[in-house]
Amino acid sequence: MAARKQYPLRIDPEVWHAIERWAEDDMRSANGQVEWILRQALKQAGRLPEDKGKQKDERS
């Protein structure tokens, strides 16, 4: 597996708080939740190859 890219993210505090709550509900870290949200959006837009969209803990 390739190394993960680190990227600083500026985000509205209310949005971040909502992500943290959602992550807690899904038993993920906030970082994991952001990655999951981005991956779902990419899949929905048809911009993520199928094999790259498969995760061991993918919840739809």
C-alpha atoms as a PDB file:
ATOM      1  CA  MET A   1       0.000   0.000   0.000  1.00  0.00           C
ATOM      2  CA  ALA A   2       1.293   3.459  -0.876  1.00  0.00           C
ATOM      3  CA  ALA A   3       1.987   5.997   1.834  1.00  0.00           C
ATOM      4  CA  ARG A   4      -0.868   8.302   2.662  1.00  0.00           C
ATOM      5  CA  LYS A   5      -0.638  11.914   1.566  1.00  0.00           C
ATOM      6  CA  GLN A   6      -0.797  14.461   4.363  1.00  0.00           C
ATOM      7  CA  TYR A   7      -2.688  17.629   3.550  1.00  0.00           C
ATOM      8  CA  PRO A   8      -3.525  20.570   5.817  1.00  0.00           C
ATOM      9  CA  LEU A   9      -7.235  21.303   5.683  1.00  0.00           C
ATOM     10  CA  ARG A  10      -8.923  24.572   6.539  1.00  0.00           C
ATOM     11  CA  ILE A  11     -12.518  23.861   7.443  1.00  0.00           C
ATOM     12  CA  ASP A  12     -15.389  25.717   9.046  1.00  0.00           C
ATOM     13  CA  PRO A  13     -15.599  24.810  12.759  1.00  0.00           C
ATOM     14  CA  GLU A  14     -19.289  23.882  12.481  1.00  0.00           C
ATOM     15  CA  VAL A  15     -18.562  21.499   9.604  1.00  0.00           C
ATOM     16  CA  TRP A  16     -15.655  19.958  11.535  1.00  0.00           C
ATOM     17  CA  HIS A  17     -17.839  19.485  14.602  1.00  0.00           C
ATOM     18  CA  ALA A  18     -20.481  17.740  12.468  1.00  0.00           C
ATOM     19  CA  ILE A  19     -17.786  15.468  10.987  1.00  0.00           C
ATOM     20  CA  GLU A  20     -16.526  14.593  14.474  1.00  0.00           C
ATOM     21  CA  ARG A  21     -20.054  13.681  15.620  1.00  0.00           C
ATOM     22  CA  TRP A  22     -20.638  11.595  12.487  1.00  0.00           C
ATOM     23  CA  ALA A  23     -17.267   9.877  12.918  1.00  0.00           C
ATOM     24  CA  GLU A  24     -18.122   9.018  16.514  1.00  0.00           C
ATOM     25  CA  ASP A  25     -21.446   7.527  15.383  1.00  0.00           C
ATOM     26  CA  ASP A  26     -19.594   5.400  12.800  1.00  0.00           C
ATOM     27  CA  MET A  27     -16.786   4.508  15.225  1.00  0.00           C
ATOM     28  CA  ARG A  28     -14.131   6.162  13.055  1.00  0.00           C
ATOM     29  CA  SER A  29     -11.567   8.871  13.644  1.00  0.00           C
ATOM     30  CA  ALA A  30     -12.442  12.290  12.250  1.00  0.00           C
ATOM     31  CA  ASN A  31      -9.617  11.865   9.737  1.00  0.00           C
ATOM     32  CA  GLY A  32     -10.993   8.480   8.706  1.00  0.00           C
ATOM     33  CA  GLN A  33     -14.452   9.998   8.333  1.00  0.00           C
ATOM     34  CA  VAL A  34     -13.162  12.765   6.052  1.00  0.00           C
ATOM     35  CA  GLU A  35     -11.403  10.174   3.902  1.00  0.00           C
ATOM     36  CA  TRP A  36     -14.561   8.037   3.795  1.00  0.00           C
ATOM     37  CA  ILE A  37     -16.701  11.064   2.786  1.00  0.00           C
ATOM     38  CA  LEU A  38     -14.236  11.995   0.034  1.00  0.00           C
ATOM     39  CA  ARG A  39     -14.055   8.399  -1.220  1.00  0.00           C
ATOM     40  CA  GLN A  40     -17.871   8.149  -1.347  1.00  0.00           C
ATOM     41  CA  ALA A  41     -18.107  11.429  -3.277  1.00  0.00           C
ATOM     42  CA  LEU A  42     -15.438  10.266  -5.746  1.00  0.00           C
ATOM     43  CA  LYS A  43     -17.209   6.938  -6.275  1.00  0.00           C
ATOM     44  CA  GLN A  44     -20.555   8.665  -6.781  1.00  0.00           C
ATOM     45  CA  ALA A  45     -18.999  11.008  -9.356  1.00  0.00           C
ATOM     46  CA  GLY A  46     -17.389   8.062 -11.155  1.00  0.00           C
ATOM     47  CA  ARG A  47     -13.898   9.402 -10.512  1.00  0.00           C
ATOM     48  CA  LEU A  48     -12.491   6.553  -8.412  1.00  0.00           C
ATOM     49  CA  PRO A  49     -11.465   3.266 -10.031  1.00  0.00           C
ATOM     50  CA  GLU A  50     -13.518   0.375  -8.622  1.00  0.00           C
ATOM     51  CA  ASP A  51     -10.581  -1.493  -7.083  1.00  0.00           C
ATOM     52  CA  LYS A  52      -9.403   1.695  -5.339  1.00  0.00           C
ATOM     53  CA  GLY A  53     -12.861   2.185  -3.811  1.00  0.00           C
ATOM     54  CA  LYS A  54     -12.813  -1.090  -1.908  1.00  0.00           C
ATOM     55  CA  GLN A  55     -11.927  -0.720   1.768  1.00  0.00           C
ATOM     56  CA  LYS A  56     -11.947  -3.354   4.467  1.00  0.00           C
ATOM     57  CA  ASP A  57     -14.273  -1.173   6.557  1.00  0.00           C
ATOM     58  CA  GLU A  58     -16.450   0.367   3.874  1.00  0.00           C
ATOM     59  CA  ARG A  59     -19.940   1.267   5.051  1.00  0.00           C
ATOM     60  CA  SER A  60     -22.490   2.486   2.531  1.00  0.00           C
END
